[in-house]
Amino acid sequence: MGKLHIDTLGTSFTIQANGDDEYLKKLLTYYNKVAEEAQKITSLKTPLQTAILAGIMLCDEVYKDKQNKIAMEAGQIDPDVILESNEIERHTLDMIEKIGKVL
């Protein structure tokens, strides 16, 4: 059982959760990265909106990973195609971020 102090998007609290402290810190770091990305690519005004969008973005990642895993296990998708698709998505998000900075 680990403990994690969360200080993000204008709120602060501590939780206890399954997993060690280091793992929980990695999760929070990743979440903060996604939340920051959500803020950069949109014009969201409130921390709640950012948190909701970040949650949806994370759900999208999980859903796609599960669908890809199912398709690979069924022999419907070549794993190399998935890796290429993920790389394209990363480049697209980077370009959206850069465009957002210019605008």
PDB file of N, CA and C in Angstrom:
ATOM      1  N   MET A   1       0.858  -1.170   0.000  1.00  0.00           N
ATOM      2  CA  MET A   1       0.000   0.000   0.000  1.00  0.00           C
ATOM      3  C   MET A   1       0.902   1.230   0.000  1.00  0.00           C
ATOM      4  N   GLY A   2       0.685   2.085  -0.986  1.00  0.00           N
ATOM      5  CA  GLY A   2       1.504   3.280  -1.092  1.00  0.00           C
ATOM      6  C   GLY A   2       0.704   4.531  -0.803  1.00  0.00           C
ATOM      7  N   LYS A   3       1.427   5.604  -0.559  1.00  0.00           N
ATOM      8  CA  LYS A   3       0.822   6.901  -0.283  1.00  0.00           C
ATOM      9  C   LYS A   3       1.309   7.864  -1.354  1.00  0.00           C
ATOM     10  N   LEU A   4       0.396   8.726  -1.812  1.00  0.00           N
ATOM     11  CA  LEU A   4       0.754   9.681  -2.850  1.00  0.00           C
ATOM     12  C   LEU A   4       0.129  11.027  -2.538  1.00  0.00           C
ATOM     13  N   HIS A   5       0.973  12.048  -2.527  1.00  0.00           N
ATOM     14  CA  HIS A   5       0.480  13.417  -2.371  1.00  0.00           C
ATOM     15  C   HIS A   5       0.276  13.978  -3.773  1.00  0.00           C
ATOM     16  N   ILE A   6      -0.939  14.378  -4.067  1.00  0.00           N
ATOM     17  CA  ILE A   6      -1.298  14.916  -5.380  1.00  0.00           C
ATOM     18  C   ILE A   6      -1.440  16.422  -5.253  1.00  0.00           C
ATOM     19  N   ASP A   7      -0.716  17.125  -6.096  1.00  0.00           N
ATOM     20  CA  ASP A   7      -0.789  18.581  -6.140  1.00  0.00           C
ATOM     21  C   ASP A   7      -0.803  18.962  -7.614  1.00  0.00           C
ATOM     22  N   THR A   8      -2.010  19.016  -8.178  1.00  0.00           N
ATOM     23  CA  THR A   8      -2.124  19.266  -9.609  1.00  0.00           C
ATOM     24  C   THR A   8      -3.423  19.987  -9.929  1.00  0.00           C
ATOM     25  N   LEU A   9      -3.410  20.745 -10.990  1.00  0.00           N
ATOM     26  CA  LEU A   9      -4.594  21.456 -11.482  1.00  0.00           C
ATOM     27  C   LEU A   9      -5.302  22.258 -10.396  1.00  0.00           C
ATOM     28  N   GLY A  10      -4.525  22.857  -9.522  1.00  0.00           N
ATOM     29  CA  GLY A  10      -5.080  23.734  -8.507  1.00  0.00           C
ATOM     30  C   GLY A  10      -5.673  23.046  -7.292  1.00  0.00           C
ATOM     31  N   THR A  11      -5.412  21.764  -7.136  1.00  0.00           N
ATOM     32  CA  THR A  11      -5.921  21.055  -5.962  1.00  0.00           C
ATOM     33  C   THR A  11      -4.801  20.224  -5.347  1.00  0.00           C
ATOM     34  N   SER A  12      -4.966  19.920  -4.067  1.00  0.00           N
ATOM     35  CA  SER A  12      -3.933  19.188  -3.353  1.00  0.00           C
ATOM     36  C   SER A  12      -4.581  18.255  -2.335  1.00  0.00           C
ATOM     37  N   PHE A  13      -4.147  16.997  -2.348  1.00  0.00           N
ATOM     38  CA  PHE A  13      -4.640  16.017  -1.381  1.00  0.00           C
ATOM     39  C   PHE A  13      -3.719  14.802  -1.387  1.00  0.00           C
ATOM     40  N   THR A  14      -3.893  13.925  -0.414  1.00  0.00           N
ATOM     41  CA  THR A  14      -3.080  12.716  -0.292  1.00  0.00           C
ATOM     42  C   THR A  14      -3.996  11.502  -0.343  1.00  0.00           C
ATOM     43  N   ILE A  15      -3.544  10.471  -1.047  1.00  0.00           N
ATOM     44  CA  ILE A  15      -4.320   9.229  -1.138  1.00  0.00           C
ATOM     45  C   ILE A  15      -3.456   8.046  -0.744  1.00  0.00           C
ATOM     46  N   GLN A  16      -4.115   6.954  -0.370  1.00  0.00           N
ATOM     47  CA  GLN A  16      -3.455   5.672  -0.204  1.00  0.00           C
ATOM     48  C   GLN A  16      -4.011   4.774  -1.290  1.00  0.00           C
ATOM     49  N   ALA A  17      -3.138   4.001  -1.923  1.00  0.00           N
ATOM     50  CA  ALA A  17      -3.581   3.149  -3.023  1.00  0.00           C
ATOM     51  C   ALA A  17      -2.691   1.921  -3.108  1.00  0.00           C
ATOM     52  N   ASN A  18      -3.187   0.917  -3.824  1.00  0.00           N
ATOM     53  CA  ASN A  18      -2.355  -0.251  -4.084  1.00  0.00           C
ATOM     54  C   ASN A  18      -1.188   0.165  -4.962  1.00  0.00           C
ATOM     55  N   GLY A  19      -0.051  -0.408  -4.722  1.00  0.00           N
ATOM     56  CA  GLY A  19       1.152  -0.048  -5.459  1.00  0.00           C
ATOM     57  C   GLY A  19       2.102   0.702  -4.547  1.00  0.00           C
ATOM     58  N   ASP A  20       3.369   0.603  -4.879  1.00  0.00           N
ATOM     59  CA  ASP A  20       4.356   1.290  -4.045  1.00  0.00           C
ATOM     60  C   ASP A  20       4.428   2.775  -4.403  1.00  0.00           C
ATOM     61  N   ASP A  21       5.078   3.530  -3.554  1.00  0.00           N
ATOM     62  CA  ASP A  21       5.166   4.988  -3.723  1.00  0.00           C
ATOM     63  C   ASP A  21       5.753   5.375  -5.081  1.00  0.00           C
ATOM     64  N   GLU A  22       6.794   4.684  -5.489  1.00  0.00           N
ATOM     65  CA  GLU A  22       7.463   5.014  -6.753  1.00  0.00           C
ATOM     66  C   GLU A  22       6.526   4.823  -7.943  1.00  0.00           C
ATOM     67  N   TYR A  23       5.778   3.729  -7.939  1.00  0.00           N
ATOM     68  CA  TYR A  23       4.819   3.475  -9.016  1.00  0.00           C
ATOM     69  C   TYR A  23       3.749   4.565  -9.045  1.00  0.00           C
ATOM     70  N   LEU A  24       3.236   4.921  -7.889  1.00  0.00           N
ATOM     71  CA  LEU A  24       2.204   5.958  -7.818  1.00  0.00           C
ATOM     72  C   LEU A  24       2.739   7.296  -8.316  1.00  0.00           C
ATOM     73  N   LYS A  25       3.991   7.606  -8.005  1.00  0.00           N
ATOM     74  CA  LYS A  25       4.606   8.851  -8.487  1.00  0.00           C
ATOM     75  C   LYS A  25       4.720   8.836 -10.012  1.00  0.00           C
ATOM     76  N   LYS A  26       5.053   7.676 -10.580  1.00  0.00           N
ATOM     77  CA  LYS A  26       5.142   7.565 -12.040  1.00  0.00           C
ATOM     78  C   LYS A  26       3.774   7.796 -12.680  1.00  0.00           C
ATOM     79  N   LEU A  27       2.719   7.246 -12.060  1.00  0.00           N
ATOM     80  CA  LEU A  27       1.377   7.470 -12.582  1.00  0.00           C
ATOM     81  C   LEU A  27       1.014   8.949 -12.554  1.00  0.00           C
ATOM     82  N   LEU A  28       1.302   9.609 -11.441  1.00  0.00           N
ATOM     83  CA  LEU A  28       0.993  11.034 -11.323  1.00  0.00           C
ATOM     84  C   LEU A  28       1.792  11.853 -12.335  1.00  0.00           C
ATOM     85  N   THR A  29       3.039  11.522 -12.519  1.00  0.00           N
ATOM     86  CA  THR A  29       3.868  12.218 -13.503  1.00  0.00           C
ATOM     87  C   THR A  29       3.278  12.071 -14.898  1.00  0.00           C
ATOM     88  N   TYR A  30       2.854  10.856 -15.236  1.00  0.00           N
ATOM     89  CA  TYR A  30       2.261  10.622 -16.553  1.00  0.00           C
ATOM     90  C   TYR A  30       0.942  11.385 -16.688  1.00  0.00           C
ATOM     91  N   TYR A  31       0.123  11.347 -15.646  1.00  0.00           N
ATOM     92  CA  TYR A  31      -1.145  12.079 -15.687  1.00  0.00           C
ATOM     93  C   TYR A  31      -0.887  13.580 -15.890  1.00  0.00           C
ATOM     94  N   ASN A  32       0.069  14.122 -15.155  1.00  0.00           N
ATOM     95  CA  ASN A  32       0.385  15.545 -15.294  1.00  0.00           C
ATOM     96  C   ASN A  32       0.835  15.871 -16.706  1.00  0.00           C
ATOM     97  N   LYS A  33       1.584  14.959 -17.327  1.00  0.00           N
ATOM     98  CA  LYS A  33       2.033  15.158 -18.710  1.00  0.00           C
ATOM     99  C   LYS A  33       0.824  15.210 -19.646  1.00  0.00           C
ATOM    100  N   VAL A  34      -0.120  14.290 -19.455  1.00  0.00           N
ATOM    101  CA  VAL A  34      -1.320  14.273 -20.298  1.00  0.00           C
ATOM    102  C   VAL A  34      -2.167  15.524 -20.050  1.00  0.00           C
ATOM    103  N   ALA A  35      -2.317  15.931 -18.797  1.00  0.00           N
ATOM    104  CA  ALA A  35      -3.082  17.136 -18.475  1.00  0.00           C
ATOM    105  C   ALA A  35      -2.430  18.371 -19.094  1.00  0.00           C
ATOM    106  N   GLU A  36      -1.122  18.438 -19.046  1.00  0.00           N
ATOM    107  CA  GLU A  36      -0.402  19.571 -19.657  1.00  0.00           C
ATOM    108  C   GLU A  36      -0.616  19.575 -21.166  1.00  0.00           C
ATOM    109  N   GLU A  37      -0.578  18.392 -21.769  1.00  0.00           N
ATOM    110  CA  GLU A  37      -0.827  18.275 -23.205  1.00  0.00           C
ATOM    111  C   GLU A  37      -2.248  18.736 -23.536  1.00  0.00           C
ATOM    112  N   ALA A  38      -3.212  18.366 -22.711  1.00  0.00           N
ATOM    113  CA  ALA A  38      -4.604  18.776 -22.918  1.00  0.00           C
ATOM    114  C   ALA A  38      -4.730  20.290 -22.868  1.00  0.00           C
ATOM    115  N   GLN A  39      -4.022  20.918 -21.947  1.00  0.00           N
ATOM    116  CA  GLN A  39      -4.062  22.386 -21.835  1.00  0.00           C
ATOM    117  C   GLN A  39      -3.432  23.042 -23.055  1.00  0.00           C
ATOM    118  N   LYS A  40      -2.368  22.454 -23.577  1.00  0.00           N
ATOM    119  CA  LYS A  40      -1.659  23.055 -24.709  1.00  0.00           C
ATOM    120  C   LYS A  40      -2.444  22.961 -26.006  1.00  0.00           C
ATOM    121  N   ILE A  41      -3.194  21.885 -26.194  1.00  0.00           N
ATOM    122  CA  ILE A  41      -3.862  21.689 -27.485  1.00  0.00           C
ATOM    123  C   ILE A  41      -5.286  22.234 -27.513  1.00  0.00           C
ATOM    124  N   THR A  42      -5.745  22.792 -26.403  1.00  0.00           N
ATOM    125  CA  THR A  42      -7.102  23.338 -26.360  1.00  0.00           C
ATOM    126  C   THR A  42      -7.077  24.697 -25.672  1.00  0.00           C
ATOM    127  N   SER A  43      -8.229  25.315 -25.636  1.00  0.00           N
ATOM    128  CA  SER A  43      -8.333  26.594 -24.931  1.00  0.00           C
ATOM    129  C   SER A  43      -9.211  26.430 -23.692  1.00  0.00           C
ATOM    130  N   LEU A  44      -9.037  25.333 -22.995  1.00  0.00           N
ATOM    131  CA  LEU A  44      -9.825  25.080 -21.798  1.00  0.00           C
ATOM    132  C   LEU A  44      -9.521  26.125 -20.740  1.00  0.00           C
ATOM    133  N   LYS A  45     -10.544  26.498 -20.014  1.00  0.00           N
ATOM    134  CA  LYS A  45     -10.409  27.587 -19.050  1.00  0.00           C
ATOM    135  C   LYS A  45     -10.294  27.127 -17.603  1.00  0.00           C
ATOM    136  N   THR A  46     -10.843  25.967 -17.274  1.00  0.00           N
ATOM    137  CA  THR A  46     -10.872  25.572 -15.871  1.00  0.00           C
ATOM    138  C   THR A  46     -10.100  24.272 -15.633  1.00  0.00           C
ATOM    139  N   PRO A  47      -9.587  24.095 -14.423  1.00  0.00           N
ATOM    140  CA  PRO A  47      -8.910  22.838 -14.084  1.00  0.00           C
ATOM    141  C   PRO A  47      -9.827  21.621 -14.240  1.00  0.00           C
ATOM    142  N   LEU A  48     -11.113  21.788 -13.943  1.00  0.00           N
ATOM    143  CA  LEU A  48     -12.045  20.671 -14.084  1.00  0.00           C
ATOM    144  C   LEU A  48     -12.146  20.234 -15.542  1.00  0.00           C
ATOM    145  N   GLN A  49     -12.254  21.197 -16.452  1.00  0.00           N
ATOM    146  CA  GLN A  49     -12.308  20.858 -17.876  1.00  0.00           C
ATOM    147  C   GLN A  49     -11.033  20.138 -18.307  1.00  0.00           C
ATOM    148  N   THR A  50      -9.897  20.633 -17.840  1.00  0.00           N
ATOM    149  CA  THR A  50      -8.618  19.998 -18.172  1.00  0.00           C
ATOM    150  C   THR A  50      -8.569  18.582 -17.625  1.00  0.00           C
ATOM    151  N   ALA A  51      -9.013  18.397 -16.395  1.00  0.00           N
ATOM    152  CA  ALA A  51      -8.996  17.069 -15.776  1.00  0.00           C
ATOM    153  C   ALA A  51      -9.893  16.094 -16.540  1.00  0.00           C
ATOM    154  N   ILE A  52     -11.058  16.568 -16.955  1.00  0.00           N
ATOM    155  CA  ILE A  52     -11.973  15.700 -17.706  1.00  0.00           C
ATOM    156  C   ILE A  52     -11.368  15.325 -19.051  1.00  0.00           C
ATOM    157  N   LEU A  53     -10.816  16.293 -19.767  1.00  0.00           N
ATOM    158  CA  LEU A  53     -10.205  15.994 -21.060  1.00  0.00           C
ATOM    159  C   LEU A  53      -9.016  15.050 -20.899  1.00  0.00           C
ATOM    160  N   ALA A  54      -8.197  15.274 -19.884  1.00  0.00           N
ATOM    161  CA  ALA A  54      -7.053  14.385 -19.643  1.00  0.00           C
ATOM    162  C   ALA A  54      -7.544  12.962 -19.360  1.00  0.00           C
ATOM    163  N   GLY A  55      -8.614  12.833 -18.595  1.00  0.00           N
ATOM    164  CA  GLY A  55      -9.185  11.515 -18.323  1.00  0.00           C
ATOM    165  C   GLY A  55      -9.665  10.841 -19.595  1.00  0.00           C
ATOM    166  N   ILE A  56     -10.312  11.589 -20.456  1.00  0.00           N
ATOM    167  CA  ILE A  56     -10.789  11.031 -21.728  1.00  0.00           C
ATOM    168  C   ILE A  56      -9.606  10.628 -22.611  1.00  0.00           C
ATOM    169  N   MET A  57      -8.555  11.456 -22.635  1.00  0.00           N
ATOM    170  CA  MET A  57      -7.373  11.120 -23.425  1.00  0.00           C
ATOM    171  C   MET A  57      -6.730   9.828 -22.915  1.00  0.00           C
ATOM    172  N   LEU A  58      -6.668   9.656 -21.599  1.00  0.00           N
ATOM    173  CA  LEU A  58      -6.108   8.439 -21.022  1.00  0.00           C
ATOM    174  C   LEU A  58      -6.996   7.231 -21.323  1.00  0.00           C
ATOM    175  N   CYS A  59      -8.312   7.407 -21.246  1.00  0.00           N
ATOM    176  CA  CYS A  59      -9.234   6.316 -21.598  1.00  0.00           C
ATOM    177  C   CYS A  59      -9.062   5.924 -23.062  1.00  0.00           C
ATOM    178  N   ASP A  60      -8.854   6.911 -23.916  1.00  0.00           N
ATOM    179  CA  ASP A  60      -8.618   6.638 -25.335  1.00  0.00           C
ATOM    180  C   ASP A  60      -7.381   5.765 -25.518  1.00  0.00           C
ATOM    181  N   GLU A  61      -6.309   6.091 -24.800  1.00  0.00           N
ATOM    182  CA  GLU A  61      -5.085   5.278 -24.879  1.00  0.00           C
ATOM    183  C   GLU A  61      -5.346   3.843 -24.443  1.00  0.00           C
ATOM    184  N   VAL A  62      -6.006   3.684 -23.312  1.00  0.00           N
ATOM    185  CA  VAL A  62      -6.283   2.346 -22.780  1.00  0.00           C
ATOM    186  C   VAL A  62      -7.170   1.568 -23.745  1.00  0.00           C
ATOM    187  N   TYR A  63      -8.216   2.212 -24.243  1.00  0.00           N
ATOM    188  CA  TYR A  63      -9.145   1.548 -25.153  1.00  0.00           C
ATOM    189  C   TYR A  63      -8.435   1.087 -26.421  1.00  0.00           C
ATOM    190  N   LYS A  64      -7.644   1.978 -27.014  1.00  0.00           N
ATOM    191  CA  LYS A  64      -6.911   1.613 -28.231  1.00  0.00           C
ATOM    192  C   LYS A  64      -5.948   0.463 -27.964  1.00  0.00           C
ATOM    193  N   ASP A  65      -5.241   0.514 -26.842  1.00  0.00           N
ATOM    194  CA  ASP A  65      -4.317  -0.567 -26.501  1.00  0.00           C
ATOM    195  C   ASP A  65      -5.046  -1.899 -26.360  1.00  0.00           C
ATOM    196  N   LYS A  66      -6.199  -1.888 -25.710  1.00  0.00           N
ATOM    197  CA  LYS A  66      -6.976  -3.125 -25.546  1.00  0.00           C
ATOM    198  C   LYS A  66      -7.466  -3.638 -26.895  1.00  0.00           C
ATOM    199  N   GLN A  67      -7.966  -2.731 -27.734  1.00  0.00           N
ATOM    200  CA  GLN A  67      -8.446  -3.153 -29.048  1.00  0.00           C
ATOM    201  C   GLN A  67      -7.303  -3.708 -29.903  1.00  0.00           C
ATOM    202  N   ASN A  68      -6.150  -3.071 -29.836  1.00  0.00           N
ATOM    203  CA  ASN A  68      -4.990  -3.558 -30.587  1.00  0.00           C
ATOM    204  C   ASN A  68      -4.529  -4.916 -30.082  1.00  0.00           C
ATOM    205  N   LYS A  69      -4.549  -5.104 -28.779  1.00  0.00           N
ATOM    206  CA  LYS A  69      -4.151  -6.388 -28.199  1.00  0.00           C
ATOM    207  C   LYS A  69      -5.088  -7.497 -28.657  1.00  0.00           C
ATOM    208  N   ILE A  70      -6.378  -7.224 -28.644  1.00  0.00           N
ATOM    209  CA  ILE A  70      -7.364  -8.207 -29.094  1.00  0.00           C
ATOM    210  C   ILE A  70      -7.139  -8.539 -30.569  1.00  0.00           C
ATOM    211  N   ALA A  71      -6.921  -7.511 -31.367  1.00  0.00           N
ATOM    212  CA  ALA A  71      -6.709  -7.723 -32.807  1.00  0.00           C
ATOM    213  C   ALA A  71      -5.421  -8.495 -33.070  1.00  0.00           C
ATOM    214  N   MET A  72      -4.365  -8.197 -32.323  1.00  0.00           N
ATOM    215  CA  MET A  72      -3.099  -8.929 -32.499  1.00  0.00           C
ATOM    216  C   MET A  72      -3.260 -10.389 -32.112  1.00  0.00           C
ATOM    217  N   GLU A  73      -3.952 -10.638 -30.992  1.00  0.00           N
ATOM    218  CA  GLU A  73      -4.160 -12.015 -30.543  1.00  0.00           C
ATOM    219  C   GLU A  73      -4.985 -12.803 -31.542  1.00  0.00           C
ATOM    220  N   ALA A  74      -5.874 -12.119 -32.256  1.00  0.00           N
ATOM    221  CA  ALA A  74      -6.693 -12.775 -33.262  1.00  0.00           C
ATOM    222  C   ALA A  74      -5.981 -12.860 -34.608  1.00  0.00           C
ATOM    223  N   GLY A  75      -4.761 -12.289 -34.674  1.00  0.00           N
ATOM    224  CA  GLY A  75      -3.991 -12.318 -35.917  1.00  0.00           C
ATOM    225  C   GLY A  75      -4.499 -11.361 -36.966  1.00  0.00           C
ATOM    226  N   GLN A  76      -5.268 -10.366 -36.558  1.00  0.00           N
ATOM    227  CA  GLN A  76      -5.848  -9.419 -37.502  1.00  0.00           C
ATOM    228  C   GLN A  76      -4.957  -8.217 -37.786  1.00  0.00           C
ATOM    229  N   ILE A  77      -3.991  -7.956 -36.907  1.00  0.00           N
ATOM    230  CA  ILE A  77      -3.126  -6.776 -37.061  1.00  0.00           C
ATOM    231  C   ILE A  77      -1.681  -7.192 -36.838  1.00  0.00           C
ATOM    232  N   ASP A  78      -0.824  -6.659 -37.690  1.00  0.00           N
ATOM    233  CA  ASP A  78       0.614  -6.843 -37.535  1.00  0.00           C
ATOM    234  C   ASP A  78       1.109  -5.872 -36.465  1.00  0.00           C
ATOM    235  N   PRO A  79       1.839  -6.353 -35.444  1.00  0.00           N
ATOM    236  CA  PRO A  79       2.315  -5.452 -34.370  1.00  0.00           C
ATOM    237  C   PRO A  79       3.110  -4.255 -34.882  1.00  0.00           C
ATOM    238  N   ASP A  80       3.821  -4.406 -36.003  1.00  0.00           N
ATOM    239  CA  ASP A  80       4.599  -3.288 -36.555  1.00  0.00           C
ATOM    240  C   ASP A  80       3.687  -2.158 -37.027  1.00  0.00           C
ATOM    241  N   VAL A  81       2.493  -2.498 -37.504  1.00  0.00           N
ATOM    242  CA  VAL A  81       1.537  -1.485 -37.953  1.00  0.00           C
ATOM    243  C   VAL A  81       1.063  -0.651 -36.766  1.00  0.00           C
ATOM    244  N   ILE A  82       0.855  -1.293 -35.633  1.00  0.00           N
ATOM    245  CA  ILE A  82       0.419  -0.586 -34.424  1.00  0.00           C
ATOM    246  C   ILE A  82       1.497   0.384 -33.964  1.00  0.00           C
ATOM    247  N   LEU A  83       2.749  -0.053 -33.959  1.00  0.00           N
ATOM    248  CA  LEU A  83       3.841   0.823 -33.552  1.00  0.00           C
ATOM    249  C   LEU A  83       3.921   2.040 -34.459  1.00  0.00           C
ATOM    250  N   GLU A  84       3.763   1.832 -35.767  1.00  0.00           N
ATOM    251  CA  GLU A  84       3.812   2.939 -36.714  1.00  0.00           C
ATOM    252  C   GLU A  84       2.644   3.892 -36.483  1.00  0.00           C
ATOM    253  N   SER A  85       1.470   3.353 -36.228  1.00  0.00           N
ATOM    254  CA  SER A  85       0.282   4.167 -35.976  1.00  0.00           C
ATOM    255  C   SER A  85       0.464   5.022 -34.724  1.00  0.00           C
ATOM    256  N   ASN A  86       1.035   4.448 -33.671  1.00  0.00           N
ATOM    257  CA  ASN A  86       1.277   5.203 -32.437  1.00  0.00           C
ATOM    258  C   ASN A  86       2.263   6.339 -32.667  1.00  0.00           C
ATOM    259  N   GLU A  87       3.267   6.093 -33.492  1.00  0.00           N
ATOM    260  CA  GLU A  87       4.256   7.124 -33.805  1.00  0.00           C
ATOM    261  C   GLU A  87       3.609   8.268 -34.588  1.00  0.00           C
ATOM    262  N   ILE A  88       2.751   7.943 -35.523  1.00  0.00           N
ATOM    263  CA  ILE A  88       2.036   8.962 -36.301  1.00  0.00           C
ATOM    264  C   ILE A  88       1.164   9.809 -35.378  1.00  0.00           C
ATOM    265  N   GLU A  89       0.483   9.153 -34.442  1.00  0.00           N
ATOM    266  CA  GLU A  89      -0.374   9.884 -33.494  1.00  0.00           C
ATOM    267  C   GLU A  89       0.457  10.843 -32.641  1.00  0.00           C
ATOM    268  N   ARG A  90       1.629  10.386 -32.190  1.00  0.00           N
ATOM    269  CA  ARG A  90       2.496  11.251 -31.384  1.00  0.00           C
ATOM    270  C   ARG A  90       2.933  12.480 -32.186  1.00  0.00           C
ATOM    271  N   HIS A  91       3.304  12.274 -33.450  1.00  0.00           N
ATOM    272  CA  HIS A  91       3.718  13.395 -34.293  1.00  0.00           C
ATOM    273  C   HIS A  91       2.553  14.361 -34.520  1.00  0.00           C
ATOM    274  N   THR A  92       1.369  13.826 -34.702  1.00  0.00           N
ATOM    275  CA  THR A  92       0.189  14.664 -34.900  1.00  0.00           C
ATOM    276  C   THR A  92      -0.075  15.535 -33.680  1.00  0.00           C
ATOM    277  N   LEU A  93      -0.005  14.939 -32.491  1.00  0.00           N
ATOM    278  CA  LEU A  93      -0.214  15.707 -31.266  1.00  0.00           C
ATOM    279  C   LEU A  93       0.862  16.778 -31.093  1.00  0.00           C
ATOM    280  N   ASP A  94       2.096  16.457 -31.457  1.00  0.00           N
ATOM    281  CA  ASP A  94       3.169  17.455 -31.395  1.00  0.00           C
ATOM    282  C   ASP A  94       2.881  18.625 -32.327  1.00  0.00           C
ATOM    283  N   MET A  95       2.394  18.322 -33.543  1.00  0.00           N
ATOM    284  CA  MET A  95       2.087  19.397 -34.481  1.00  0.00           C
ATOM    285  C   MET A  95       0.930  20.249 -33.972  1.00  0.00           C
ATOM    286  N   ILE A  96      -0.097  19.622 -33.407  1.00  0.00           N
ATOM    287  CA  ILE A  96      -1.225  20.378 -32.853  1.00  0.00           C
ATOM    288  C   ILE A  96      -0.742  21.301 -31.745  1.00  0.00           C
ATOM    289  N   GLU A  97       0.150  20.794 -30.901  1.00  0.00           N
ATOM    290  CA  GLU A  97       0.702  21.610 -29.819  1.00  0.00           C
ATOM    291  C   GLU A  97       1.447  22.825 -30.373  1.00  0.00           C
ATOM    292  N   LYS A  98       2.260  22.618 -31.393  1.00  0.00           N
ATOM    293  CA  LYS A  98       3.030  23.716 -31.986  1.00  0.00           C
ATOM    294  C   LYS A  98       2.108  24.739 -32.636  1.00  0.00           C
ATOM    295  N   ILE A  99       1.076  24.269 -33.306  1.00  0.00           N
ATOM    296  CA  ILE A  99       0.100  25.183 -33.921  1.00  0.00           C
ATOM    297  C   ILE A  99      -0.599  25.995 -32.844  1.00  0.00           C
ATOM    298  N   GLY A 100      -0.969  25.334 -31.735  1.00  0.00           N
ATOM    299  CA  GLY A 100      -1.626  26.020 -30.634  1.00  0.00           C
ATOM    300  C   GLY A 100      -0.760  27.115 -30.037  1.00  0.00           C
ATOM    301  N   LYS A 101       0.540  26.889 -29.975  1.00  0.00           N
ATOM    302  CA  LYS A 101       1.452  27.911 -29.440  1.00  0.00           C
ATOM    303  C   LYS A 101       1.525  29.123 -30.353  1.00  0.00           C
ATOM    304  N   VAL A 102       1.469  28.892 -31.656  1.00  0.00           N
ATOM    305  CA  VAL A 102       1.567  29.973 -32.618  1.00  0.00           C
ATOM    306  C   VAL A 102       0.295  30.812 -32.604  1.00  0.00           C
ATOM    307  N   LEU A 103      -0.839  30.149 -32.461  1.00  0.00           N
ATOM    308  CA  LEU A 103      -2.118  30.866 -32.463  1.00  0.00           C
ATOM    309  C   LEU A 103      -2.303  31.556 -31.147  1.00  0.00           C
TER     310      LEU A 103
END
